[in-house]
Amino acid sequence: MKNLGNMLKQAQQMQTKMAEMQAKMAQLEVTGQSGGGMVKVTLNGKGELRKLKIDPAIADRDEVEVLEDLIVAAFNDAKTKVDAQMAEEMAQVTGGLQLPPGMKLPF
């Protein structure tokens, strides 16, 4: 029974750490860019788009399709960075504990 008590205590500690990590990630902002920095997007830790910055030099009506592609590329760059940061934070919280395939945290 002593083992079970320790496991429950560890689970509670992990739950507290997860809540702290989620709060920290909500405050995180990551910027991705494309087109040599002409298009920049900033996402929060939840992957939500927070800012979009477009260099006026590329806002030509004839270049709208290129601009759209650059925005998508910048967003994907920022999202990749958010996912990497989340994985790093998660590894610290779980102490390297491997989750079953398909299980993703935070829930």
PDB file of N, CA and C in Angstrom:
ATOM      1  N   MET A   1       0.809  -1.192   0.000  1.00  0.00           N
ATOM      2  CA  MET A   1       0.000   0.000   0.000  1.00  0.00           C
ATOM      3  C   MET A   1       0.855   1.260   0.000  1.00  0.00           C
ATOM      4  N   LYS A   2       2.042   1.159   0.573  1.00  0.00           N
ATOM      5  CA  LYS A   2       2.938   2.311   0.610  1.00  0.00           C
ATOM      6  C   LYS A   2       3.289   2.750  -0.804  1.00  0.00           C
ATOM      7  N   ASN A   3       3.475   1.774  -1.685  1.00  0.00           N
ATOM      8  CA  ASN A   3       3.773   2.057  -3.092  1.00  0.00           C
ATOM      9  C   ASN A   3       2.631   2.824  -3.754  1.00  0.00           C
ATOM     10  N   LEU A   4       1.415   2.425  -3.472  1.00  0.00           N
ATOM     11  CA  LEU A   4       0.237   3.073  -4.048  1.00  0.00           C
ATOM     12  C   LEU A   4       0.144   4.520  -3.574  1.00  0.00           C
ATOM     13  N   GLY A   5       0.428   4.742  -2.316  1.00  0.00           N
ATOM     14  CA  GLY A   5       0.420   6.102  -1.765  1.00  0.00           C
ATOM     15  C   GLY A   5       1.445   6.990  -2.457  1.00  0.00           C
ATOM     16  N   ASN A   6       2.620   6.420  -2.692  1.00  0.00           N
ATOM     17  CA  ASN A   6       3.663   7.174  -3.396  1.00  0.00           C
ATOM     18  C   ASN A   6       3.254   7.474  -4.830  1.00  0.00           C
ATOM     19  N   MET A   7       2.627   6.507  -5.472  1.00  0.00           N
ATOM     20  CA  MET A   7       2.184   6.714  -6.854  1.00  0.00           C
ATOM     21  C   MET A   7       1.139   7.815  -6.926  1.00  0.00           C
ATOM     22  N   LEU A   8       0.208   7.817  -5.980  1.00  0.00           N
ATOM     23  CA  LEU A   8      -0.828   8.850  -5.952  1.00  0.00           C
ATOM     24  C   LEU A   8      -0.212  10.227  -5.695  1.00  0.00           C
ATOM     25  N   LYS A   9       0.758  10.274  -4.808  1.00  0.00           N
ATOM     26  CA  LYS A   9       1.443  11.536  -4.516  1.00  0.00           C
ATOM     27  C   LYS A   9       2.172  12.036  -5.764  1.00  0.00           C
ATOM     28  N   GLN A  10       2.846  11.140  -6.482  1.00  0.00           N
ATOM     29  CA  GLN A  10       3.548  11.509  -7.706  1.00  0.00           C
ATOM     30  C   GLN A  10       2.566  11.981  -8.779  1.00  0.00           C
ATOM     31  N   ALA A  11       1.417  11.331  -8.871  1.00  0.00           N
ATOM     32  CA  ALA A  11       0.405  11.733  -9.845  1.00  0.00           C
ATOM     33  C   ALA A  11      -0.120  13.130  -9.528  1.00  0.00           C
ATOM     34  N   GLN A  12      -0.320  13.428  -8.264  1.00  0.00           N
ATOM     35  CA  GLN A  12      -0.773  14.760  -7.868  1.00  0.00           C
ATOM     36  C   GLN A  12       0.288  15.806  -8.187  1.00  0.00           C
ATOM     37  N   GLN A  13       1.551  15.474  -7.939  1.00  0.00           N
ATOM     38  CA  GLN A  13       2.642  16.404  -8.251  1.00  0.00           C
ATOM     39  C   GLN A  13       2.715  16.663  -9.747  1.00  0.00           C
ATOM     40  N   MET A  14       2.548  15.599 -10.540  1.00  0.00           N
ATOM     41  CA  MET A  14       2.585  15.750 -11.991  1.00  0.00           C
ATOM     42  C   MET A  14       1.410  16.605 -12.464  1.00  0.00           C
ATOM     43  N   GLN A  15       0.254  16.416 -11.851  1.00  0.00           N
ATOM     44  CA  GLN A  15      -0.919  17.204 -12.217  1.00  0.00           C
ATOM     45  C   GLN A  15      -0.673  18.684 -11.926  1.00  0.00           C
ATOM     46  N   THR A  16      -0.053  18.987 -10.807  1.00  0.00           N
ATOM     47  CA  THR A  16       0.278  20.370 -10.466  1.00  0.00           C
ATOM     48  C   THR A  16       1.265  20.945 -11.469  1.00  0.00           C
ATOM     49  N   LYS A  17       2.278  20.159 -11.807  1.00  0.00           N
ATOM     50  CA  LYS A  17       3.271  20.614 -12.786  1.00  0.00           C
ATOM     51  C   LYS A  17       2.636  20.834 -14.160  1.00  0.00           C
ATOM     52  N   MET A  18       1.682  19.961 -14.512  1.00  0.00           N
ATOM     53  CA  MET A  18       0.995  20.108 -15.802  1.00  0.00           C
ATOM     54  C   MET A  18       0.206  21.415 -15.836  1.00  0.00           C
ATOM     55  N   ALA A  19      -0.468  21.734 -14.756  1.00  0.00           N
ATOM     56  CA  ALA A  19      -1.243  22.977 -14.699  1.00  0.00           C
ATOM     57  C   ALA A  19      -0.320  24.187 -14.810  1.00  0.00           C
ATOM     58  N   GLU A  20       0.826  24.121 -14.144  1.00  0.00           N
ATOM     59  CA  GLU A  20       1.798  25.209 -14.224  1.00  0.00           C
ATOM     60  C   GLU A  20       2.334  25.337 -15.648  1.00  0.00           C
ATOM     61  N   MET A  21       2.631  24.203 -16.278  1.00  0.00           N
ATOM     62  CA  MET A  21       3.161  24.213 -17.633  1.00  0.00           C
ATOM     63  C   MET A  21       2.131  24.775 -18.608  1.00  0.00           C
ATOM     64  N   GLN A  22       0.867  24.410 -18.440  1.00  0.00           N
ATOM     65  CA  GLN A  22      -0.186  24.913 -19.329  1.00  0.00           C
ATOM     66  C   GLN A  22      -0.331  26.423 -19.188  1.00  0.00           C
ATOM     67  N   ALA A  23      -0.237  26.923 -17.976  1.00  0.00           N
ATOM     68  CA  ALA A  23      -0.310  28.376 -17.760  1.00  0.00           C
ATOM     69  C   ALA A  23       0.886  29.065 -18.411  1.00  0.00           C
ATOM     70  N   LYS A  24       2.043  28.465 -18.280  1.00  0.00           N
ATOM     71  CA  LYS A  24       3.253  29.024 -18.888  1.00  0.00           C
ATOM     72  C   LYS A  24       3.131  29.021 -20.419  1.00  0.00           C
ATOM     73  N   MET A  25       2.626  27.936 -20.974  1.00  0.00           N
ATOM     74  CA  MET A  25       2.492  27.833 -22.431  1.00  0.00           C
ATOM     75  C   MET A  25       1.456  28.823 -22.963  1.00  0.00           C
ATOM     76  N   ALA A  26       0.439  29.122 -22.187  1.00  0.00           N
ATOM     77  CA  ALA A  26      -0.569  30.094 -22.615  1.00  0.00           C
ATOM     78  C   ALA A  26       0.052  31.476 -22.768  1.00  0.00           C
ATOM     79  N   GLN A  27       1.098  31.753 -21.998  1.00  0.00           N
ATOM     80  CA  GLN A  27       1.787  33.042 -22.069  1.00  0.00           C
ATOM     81  C   GLN A  27       2.859  33.080 -23.168  1.00  0.00           C
ATOM     82  N   LEU A  28       3.259  31.913 -23.652  1.00  0.00           N
ATOM     83  CA  LEU A  28       4.304  31.815 -24.672  1.00  0.00           C
ATOM     84  C   LEU A  28       3.868  32.442 -25.981  1.00  0.00           C
ATOM     85  N   GLU A  29       4.773  33.171 -26.610  1.00  0.00           N
ATOM     86  CA  GLU A  29       4.543  33.671 -27.961  1.00  0.00           C
ATOM     87  C   GLU A  29       5.754  33.302 -28.803  1.00  0.00           C
ATOM     88  N   VAL A  30       5.502  32.723 -29.972  1.00  0.00           N
ATOM     89  CA  VAL A  30       6.559  32.305 -30.887  1.00  0.00           C
ATOM     90  C   VAL A  30       6.272  32.916 -32.242  1.00  0.00           C
ATOM     91  N   THR A  31       7.320  33.467 -32.874  1.00  0.00           N
ATOM     92  CA  THR A  31       7.157  34.097 -34.183  1.00  0.00           C
ATOM     93  C   THR A  31       7.830  33.247 -35.248  1.00  0.00           C
ATOM     94  N   GLY A  32       7.106  33.012 -36.323  1.00  0.00           N
ATOM     95  CA  GLY A  32       7.637  32.327 -37.493  1.00  0.00           C
ATOM     96  C   GLY A  32       7.666  33.320 -38.641  1.00  0.00           C
ATOM     97  N   GLN A  33       8.522  33.055 -39.614  1.00  0.00           N
ATOM     98  CA  GLN A  33       8.641  33.987 -40.727  1.00  0.00           C
ATOM     99  C   GLN A  33       8.885  33.266 -42.037  1.00  0.00           C
ATOM    100  N   SER A  34       8.627  33.978 -43.111  1.00  0.00           N
ATOM    101  CA  SER A  34       8.900  33.460 -44.445  1.00  0.00           C
ATOM    102  C   SER A  34       9.265  34.639 -45.345  1.00  0.00           C
ATOM    103  N   GLY A  35       9.737  34.329 -46.527  1.00  0.00           N
ATOM    104  CA  GLY A  35      10.092  35.383 -47.473  1.00  0.00           C
ATOM    105  C   GLY A  35      11.199  36.278 -46.958  1.00  0.00           C
ATOM    106  N   GLY A  36      12.176  35.702 -46.271  1.00  0.00           N
ATOM    107  CA  GLY A  36      13.279  36.489 -45.746  1.00  0.00           C
ATOM    108  C   GLY A  36      12.836  37.498 -44.702  1.00  0.00           C
ATOM    109  N   GLY A  37      11.787  37.196 -43.967  1.00  0.00           N
ATOM    110  CA  GLY A  37      11.295  38.073 -42.915  1.00  0.00           C
ATOM    111  C   GLY A  37      10.233  39.058 -43.374  1.00  0.00           C
ATOM    112  N   MET A  38       9.813  38.955 -44.645  1.00  0.00           N
ATOM    113  CA  MET A  38       8.802  39.884 -45.147  1.00  0.00           C
ATOM    114  C   MET A  38       7.413  39.578 -44.591  1.00  0.00           C
ATOM    115  N   VAL A  39       7.186  38.334 -44.193  1.00  0.00           N
ATOM    116  CA  VAL A  39       5.921  37.945 -43.564  1.00  0.00           C
ATOM    117  C   VAL A  39       6.263  37.249 -42.248  1.00  0.00           C
ATOM    118  N   LYS A  40       5.636  37.745 -41.167  1.00  0.00           N
ATOM    119  CA  LYS A  40       5.869  37.166 -39.847  1.00  0.00           C
ATOM    120  C   LYS A  40       4.524  36.913 -39.183  1.00  0.00           C
ATOM    121  N   VAL A  41       4.417  35.770 -38.528  1.00  0.00           N
ATOM    122  CA  VAL A  41       3.230  35.457 -37.750  1.00  0.00           C
ATOM    123  C   VAL A  41       3.671  35.081 -36.344  1.00  0.00           C
ATOM    124  N   THR A  42       2.857  35.439 -35.376  1.00  0.00           N
ATOM    125  CA  THR A  42       3.142  35.111 -33.984  1.00  0.00           C
ATOM    126  C   THR A  42       1.974  34.294 -33.447  1.00  0.00           C
ATOM    127  N   LEU A  43       2.315  33.146 -32.855  1.00  0.00           N
ATOM    128  CA  LEU A  43       1.324  32.249 -32.266  1.00  0.00           C
ATOM    129  C   LEU A  43       1.527  32.203 -30.758  1.00  0.00           C
ATOM    130  N   ASN A  44       0.446  31.918 -30.036  1.00  0.00           N
ATOM    131  CA  ASN A  44       0.594  31.662 -28.611  1.00  0.00           C
ATOM    132  C   ASN A  44       0.880  30.171 -28.415  1.00  0.00           C
ATOM    133  N   GLY A  45       1.036  29.771 -27.171  1.00  0.00           N
ATOM    134  CA  GLY A  45       1.358  28.380 -26.858  1.00  0.00           C
ATOM    135  C   GLY A  45       0.275  27.388 -27.217  1.00  0.00           C
ATOM    136  N   LYS A  46      -0.925  27.878 -27.512  1.00  0.00           N
ATOM    137  CA  LYS A  46      -2.016  27.002 -27.931  1.00  0.00           C
ATOM    138  C   LYS A  46      -2.082  26.882 -29.446  1.00  0.00           C
ATOM    139  N   GLY A  47      -1.174  27.559 -30.137  1.00  0.00           N
ATOM    140  CA  GLY A  47      -1.165  27.503 -31.599  1.00  0.00           C
ATOM    141  C   GLY A  47      -2.129  28.485 -32.244  1.00  0.00           C
ATOM    142  N   GLU A  48      -2.626  29.443 -31.469  1.00  0.00           N
ATOM    143  CA  GLU A  48      -3.549  30.439 -32.007  1.00  0.00           C
ATOM    144  C   GLU A  48      -2.757  31.613 -32.571  1.00  0.00           C
ATOM    145  N   LEU A  49      -3.171  32.093 -33.736  1.00  0.00           N
ATOM    146  CA  LEU A  49      -2.509  33.221 -34.382  1.00  0.00           C
ATOM    147  C   LEU A  49      -2.795  34.486 -33.590  1.00  0.00           C
ATOM    148  N   ARG A  50      -1.723  35.186 -33.173  1.00  0.00           N
ATOM    149  CA  ARG A  50      -1.873  36.397 -32.376  1.00  0.00           C
ATOM    150  C   ARG A  50      -1.512  37.661 -33.150  1.00  0.00           C
ATOM    151  N   LYS A  51      -0.506  37.578 -34.012  1.00  0.00           N
ATOM    152  CA  LYS A  51      -0.057  38.749 -34.765  1.00  0.00           C
ATOM    153  C   LYS A  51       0.310  38.340 -36.182  1.00  0.00           C
ATOM    154  N   LEU A  52       0.122  39.264 -37.096  1.00  0.00           N
ATOM    155  CA  LEU A  52       0.521  39.070 -38.494  1.00  0.00           C
ATOM    156  C   LEU A  52       1.175  40.360 -38.937  1.00  0.00           C
ATOM    157  N   LYS A  53       2.400  40.269 -39.450  1.00  0.00           N
ATOM    158  CA  LYS A  53       3.134  41.438 -39.916  1.00  0.00           C
ATOM    159  C   LYS A  53       3.554  41.188 -41.358  1.00  0.00           C
ATOM    160  N   ILE A  54       3.141  42.104 -42.251  1.00  0.00           N
ATOM    161  CA  ILE A  54       3.473  41.983 -43.671  1.00  0.00           C
ATOM    162  C   ILE A  54       4.260  43.216 -44.089  1.00  0.00           C
ATOM    163  N   ASP A  55       5.426  42.993 -44.682  1.00  0.00           N
ATOM    164  CA  ASP A  55       6.224  44.097 -45.203  1.00  0.00           C
ATOM    165  C   ASP A  55       5.455  44.739 -46.352  1.00  0.00           C
ATOM    166  N   PRO A  56       5.201  46.046 -46.289  1.00  0.00           N
ATOM    167  CA  PRO A  56       4.425  46.724 -47.340  1.00  0.00           C
ATOM    168  C   PRO A  56       5.015  46.566 -48.741  1.00  0.00           C
ATOM    169  N   ALA A  57       6.277  46.266 -48.825  1.00  0.00           N
ATOM    170  CA  ALA A  57       6.924  46.119 -50.132  1.00  0.00           C
ATOM    171  C   ALA A  57       6.373  44.947 -50.930  1.00  0.00           C
ATOM    172  N   ILE A  58       5.742  43.986 -50.269  1.00  0.00           N
ATOM    173  CA  ILE A  58       5.239  42.826 -51.005  1.00  0.00           C
ATOM    174  C   ILE A  58       3.720  42.844 -51.168  1.00  0.00           C
ATOM    175  N   ALA A  59       3.067  43.939 -50.814  1.00  0.00           N
ATOM    176  CA  ALA A  59       1.614  44.012 -50.873  1.00  0.00           C
ATOM    177  C   ALA A  59       1.122  44.517 -52.232  1.00  0.00           C
ATOM    178  N   ASP A  60       1.710  44.036 -53.293  1.00  0.00           N
ATOM    179  CA  ASP A  60       1.318  44.388 -54.656  1.00  0.00           C
ATOM    180  C   ASP A  60       0.119  43.528 -55.061  1.00  0.00           C
ATOM    181  N   ARG A  61      -0.860  44.132 -55.669  1.00  0.00           N
ATOM    182  CA  ARG A  61      -2.068  43.390 -56.068  1.00  0.00           C
ATOM    183  C   ARG A  61      -1.752  42.192 -56.963  1.00  0.00           C
ATOM    184  N   ASP A  62      -0.727  42.305 -57.757  1.00  0.00           N
ATOM    185  CA  ASP A  62      -0.352  41.213 -58.651  1.00  0.00           C
ATOM    186  C   ASP A  62       0.345  40.079 -57.911  1.00  0.00           C
ATOM    187  N   GLU A  63       0.677  40.313 -56.655  1.00  0.00           N
ATOM    188  CA  GLU A  63       1.433  39.322 -55.883  1.00  0.00           C
ATOM    189  C   GLU A  63       0.618  38.705 -54.752  1.00  0.00           C
ATOM    190  N   VAL A  64      -0.682  38.834 -54.807  1.00  0.00           N
ATOM    191  CA  VAL A  64      -1.531  38.339 -53.726  1.00  0.00           C
ATOM    192  C   VAL A  64      -1.332  36.843 -53.497  1.00  0.00           C
ATOM    193  N   GLU A  65      -1.246  36.065 -54.542  1.00  0.00           N
ATOM    194  CA  GLU A  65      -1.074  34.621 -54.378  1.00  0.00           C
ATOM    195  C   GLU A  65       0.248  34.308 -53.678  1.00  0.00           C
ATOM    196  N   VAL A  66       1.289  35.021 -54.041  1.00  0.00           N
ATOM    197  CA  VAL A  66       2.592  34.827 -53.389  1.00  0.00           C
ATOM    198  C   VAL A  66       2.472  35.206 -51.915  1.00  0.00           C
ATOM    199  N   LEU A  67       1.799  36.302 -51.638  1.00  0.00           N
ATOM    200  CA  LEU A  67       1.612  36.746 -50.263  1.00  0.00           C
ATOM    201  C   LEU A  67       0.856  35.698 -49.447  1.00  0.00           C
ATOM    202  N   GLU A  68      -0.180  35.141 -50.007  1.00  0.00           N
ATOM    203  CA  GLU A  68      -0.940  34.102 -49.312  1.00  0.00           C
ATOM    204  C   GLU A  68      -0.060  32.891 -48.997  1.00  0.00           C
ATOM    205  N   ASP A  69       0.759  32.492 -49.955  1.00  0.00           N
ATOM    206  CA  ASP A  69       1.670  31.365 -49.730  1.00  0.00           C
ATOM    207  C   ASP A  69       2.683  31.681 -48.629  1.00  0.00           C
ATOM    208  N   LEU A  70       3.176  32.917 -48.601  1.00  0.00           N
ATOM    209  CA  LEU A  70       4.144  33.318 -47.578  1.00  0.00           C
ATOM    210  C   LEU A  70       3.505  33.315 -46.191  1.00  0.00           C
ATOM    211  N   ILE A  71       2.258  33.732 -46.101  1.00  0.00           N
ATOM    212  CA  ILE A  71       1.560  33.726 -44.811  1.00  0.00           C
ATOM    213  C   ILE A  71       1.395  32.294 -44.305  1.00  0.00           C
ATOM    214  N   VAL A  72       0.997  31.407 -45.180  1.00  0.00           N
ATOM    215  CA  VAL A  72       0.853  29.999 -44.791  1.00  0.00           C
ATOM    216  C   VAL A  72       2.196  29.440 -44.325  1.00  0.00           C
ATOM    217  N   ALA A  73       3.268  29.748 -45.043  1.00  0.00           N
ATOM    218  CA  ALA A  73       4.599  29.255 -44.672  1.00  0.00           C
ATOM    219  C   ALA A  73       5.043  29.823 -43.320  1.00  0.00           C
ATOM    220  N   ALA A  74       4.797  31.111 -43.082  1.00  0.00           N
ATOM    221  CA  ALA A  74       5.173  31.727 -41.811  1.00  0.00           C
ATOM    222  C   ALA A  74       4.374  31.122 -40.653  1.00  0.00           C
ATOM    223  N   PHE A  75       3.085  30.913 -40.868  1.00  0.00           N
ATOM    224  CA  PHE A  75       2.243  30.297 -39.845  1.00  0.00           C
ATOM    225  C   PHE A  75       2.762  28.901 -39.509  1.00  0.00           C
ATOM    226  N   ASN A  76       3.050  28.108 -40.521  1.00  0.00           N
ATOM    227  CA  ASN A  76       3.534  26.751 -40.295  1.00  0.00           C
ATOM    228  C   ASN A  76       4.875  26.751 -39.572  1.00  0.00           C
ATOM    229  N   ASP A  77       5.739  27.730 -39.876  1.00  0.00           N
ATOM    230  CA  ASP A  77       7.022  27.859 -39.199  1.00  0.00           C
ATOM    231  C   ASP A  77       6.800  28.131 -37.713  1.00  0.00           C
ATOM    232  N   ALA A  78       5.918  29.064 -37.399  1.00  0.00           N
ATOM    233  CA  ALA A  78       5.632  29.382 -35.995  1.00  0.00           C
ATOM    234  C   ALA A  78       4.981  28.196 -35.283  1.00  0.00           C
ATOM    235  N   LYS A  79       4.067  27.516 -35.934  1.00  0.00           N
ATOM    236  CA  LYS A  79       3.380  26.363 -35.333  1.00  0.00           C
ATOM    237  C   LYS A  79       4.374  25.252 -35.004  1.00  0.00           C
ATOM    238  N   THR A  80       5.326  25.023 -35.891  1.00  0.00           N
ATOM    239  CA  THR A  80       6.366  24.024 -35.645  1.00  0.00           C
ATOM    240  C   THR A  80       7.162  24.384 -34.399  1.00  0.00           C
ATOM    241  N   LYS A  81       7.470  25.676 -34.243  1.00  0.00           N
ATOM    242  CA  LYS A  81       8.223  26.118 -33.077  1.00  0.00           C
ATOM    243  C   LYS A  81       7.410  25.962 -31.794  1.00  0.00           C
ATOM    244  N   VAL A  82       6.121  26.253 -31.850  1.00  0.00           N
ATOM    245  CA  VAL A  82       5.254  26.077 -30.680  1.00  0.00           C
ATOM    246  C   VAL A  82       5.198  24.597 -30.299  1.00  0.00           C
ATOM    247  N   ASP A  83       5.042  23.723 -31.277  1.00  0.00           N
ATOM    248  CA  ASP A  83       4.981  22.281 -31.006  1.00  0.00           C
ATOM    249  C   ASP A  83       6.282  21.785 -30.372  1.00  0.00           C
ATOM    250  N   ALA A  84       7.426  22.288 -30.861  1.00  0.00           N
ATOM    251  CA  ALA A  84       8.719  21.885 -30.308  1.00  0.00           C
ATOM    252  C   ALA A  84       8.857  22.360 -28.870  1.00  0.00           C
ATOM    253  N   GLN A  85       8.431  23.585 -28.600  1.00  0.00           N
ATOM    254  CA  GLN A  85       8.490  24.120 -27.238  1.00  0.00           C
ATOM    255  C   GLN A  85       7.579  23.319 -26.309  1.00  0.00           C
ATOM    256  N   MET A  86       6.405  22.974 -26.798  1.00  0.00           N
ATOM    257  CA  MET A  86       5.458  22.179 -26.001  1.00  0.00           C
ATOM    258  C   MET A  86       6.063  20.817 -25.674  1.00  0.00           C
ATOM    259  N   ALA A  87       6.697  20.178 -26.649  1.00  0.00           N
ATOM    260  CA  ALA A  87       7.316  18.874 -26.423  1.00  0.00           C
ATOM    261  C   ALA A  87       8.437  18.976 -25.390  1.00  0.00           C
ATOM    262  N   GLU A  88       9.215  20.042 -25.462  1.00  0.00           N
ATOM    263  CA  GLU A  88      10.304  20.247 -24.511  1.00  0.00           C
ATOM    264  C   GLU A  88       9.757  20.448 -23.093  1.00  0.00           C
ATOM    265  N   GLU A  89       8.739  21.280 -22.969  1.00  0.00           N
ATOM    266  CA  GLU A  89       8.123  21.514 -21.662  1.00  0.00           C
ATOM    267  C   GLU A  89       7.513  20.226 -21.117  1.00  0.00           C
ATOM    268  N   MET A  90       6.870  19.472 -21.985  1.00  0.00           N
ATOM    269  CA  MET A  90       6.229  18.236 -21.576  1.00  0.00           C
ATOM    270  C   MET A  90       7.264  17.233 -21.073  1.00  0.00           C
ATOM    271  N   ALA A  91       8.398  17.159 -21.744  1.00  0.00           N
ATOM    272  CA  ALA A  91       9.448  16.237 -21.327  1.00  0.00           C
ATOM    273  C   ALA A  91       9.958  16.600 -19.934  1.00  0.00           C
ATOM    274  N   GLN A  92      10.031  17.884 -19.642  1.00  0.00           N
ATOM    275  CA  GLN A  92      10.474  18.314 -18.312  1.00  0.00           C
ATOM    276  C   GLN A  92       9.441  17.946 -17.249  1.00  0.00           C
ATOM    277  N   VAL A  93       8.174  18.132 -17.564  1.00  0.00           N
ATOM    278  CA  VAL A  93       7.112  17.847 -16.604  1.00  0.00           C
ATOM    279  C   VAL A  93       6.997  16.355 -16.323  1.00  0.00           C
ATOM    280  N   THR A  94       7.067  15.554 -17.371  1.00  0.00           N
ATOM    281  CA  THR A  94       6.870  14.113 -17.204  1.00  0.00           C
ATOM    282  C   THR A  94       8.157  13.391 -16.836  1.00  0.00           C
ATOM    283  N   GLY A  95       9.269  14.113 -16.807  1.00  0.00           N
ATOM    284  CA  GLY A  95      10.540  13.480 -16.461  1.00  0.00           C
ATOM    285  C   GLY A  95      10.948  12.419 -17.459  1.00  0.00           C
ATOM    286  N   GLY A  96      10.589  12.607 -18.719  1.00  0.00           N
ATOM    287  CA  GLY A  96      10.942  11.660 -19.766  1.00  0.00           C
ATOM    288  C   GLY A  96       9.999  10.479 -19.865  1.00  0.00           C
ATOM    289  N   LEU A  97       8.942  10.467 -19.060  1.00  0.00           N
ATOM    290  CA  LEU A  97       7.959   9.390 -19.103  1.00  0.00           C
ATOM    291  C   LEU A  97       7.325   9.337 -20.485  1.00  0.00           C
ATOM    292  N   GLN A  98       7.387   8.193 -21.106  1.00  0.00           N
ATOM    293  CA  GLN A  98       6.819   8.024 -22.439  1.00  0.00           C
ATOM    294  C   GLN A  98       5.333   7.735 -22.334  1.00  0.00           C
ATOM    295  N   LEU A  99       4.536   8.474 -23.078  1.00  0.00           N
ATOM    296  CA  LEU A  99       3.095   8.248 -23.088  1.00  0.00           C
ATOM    297  C   LEU A  99       2.747   7.195 -24.130  1.00  0.00           C
ATOM    298  N   PRO A 100       1.644   6.501 -23.934  1.00  0.00           N
ATOM    299  CA  PRO A 100       1.221   5.519 -24.932  1.00  0.00           C
ATOM    300  C   PRO A 100       0.979   6.191 -26.286  1.00  0.00           C
ATOM    301  N   PRO A 101       1.202   5.468 -27.388  1.00  0.00           N
ATOM    302  CA  PRO A 101       0.983   6.044 -28.719  1.00  0.00           C
ATOM    303  C   PRO A 101      -0.442   6.594 -28.853  1.00  0.00           C
ATOM    304  N   GLY A 102      -0.535   7.777 -29.443  1.00  0.00           N
ATOM    305  CA  GLY A 102      -1.835   8.394 -29.653  1.00  0.00           C
ATOM    306  C   GLY A 102      -2.305   9.249 -28.490  1.00  0.00           C
ATOM    307  N   MET A 103      -1.664   9.108 -27.332  1.00  0.00           N
ATOM    308  CA  MET A 103      -2.042   9.921 -26.180  1.00  0.00           C
ATOM    309  C   MET A 103      -1.241  11.202 -26.233  1.00  0.00           C
ATOM    310  N   LYS A 104      -1.939  12.317 -26.200  1.00  0.00           N
ATOM    311  CA  LYS A 104      -1.288  13.597 -26.337  1.00  0.00           C
ATOM    312  C   LYS A 104      -1.658  14.472 -25.155  1.00  0.00           C
ATOM    313  N   LEU A 105      -0.671  15.127 -24.581  1.00  0.00           N
ATOM    314  CA  LEU A 105      -0.909  16.047 -23.475  1.00  0.00           C
ATOM    315  C   LEU A 105      -0.549  17.445 -23.934  1.00  0.00           C
ATOM    316  N   PRO A 106      -1.139  18.488 -23.419  1.00  0.00           N
ATOM    317  CA  PRO A 106      -2.206  18.453 -22.455  1.00  0.00           C
ATOM    318  C   PRO A 106      -3.489  17.949 -23.089  1.00  0.00           C
ATOM    319  N   PHE A 107      -4.362  17.395 -22.282  1.00  0.00           N
ATOM    320  CA  PHE A 107      -5.608  16.799 -22.750  1.00  0.00           C
ATOM    321  C   PHE A 107      -6.409  17.864 -23.363  1.00  0.00           C
TER     322      PHE A 107
END
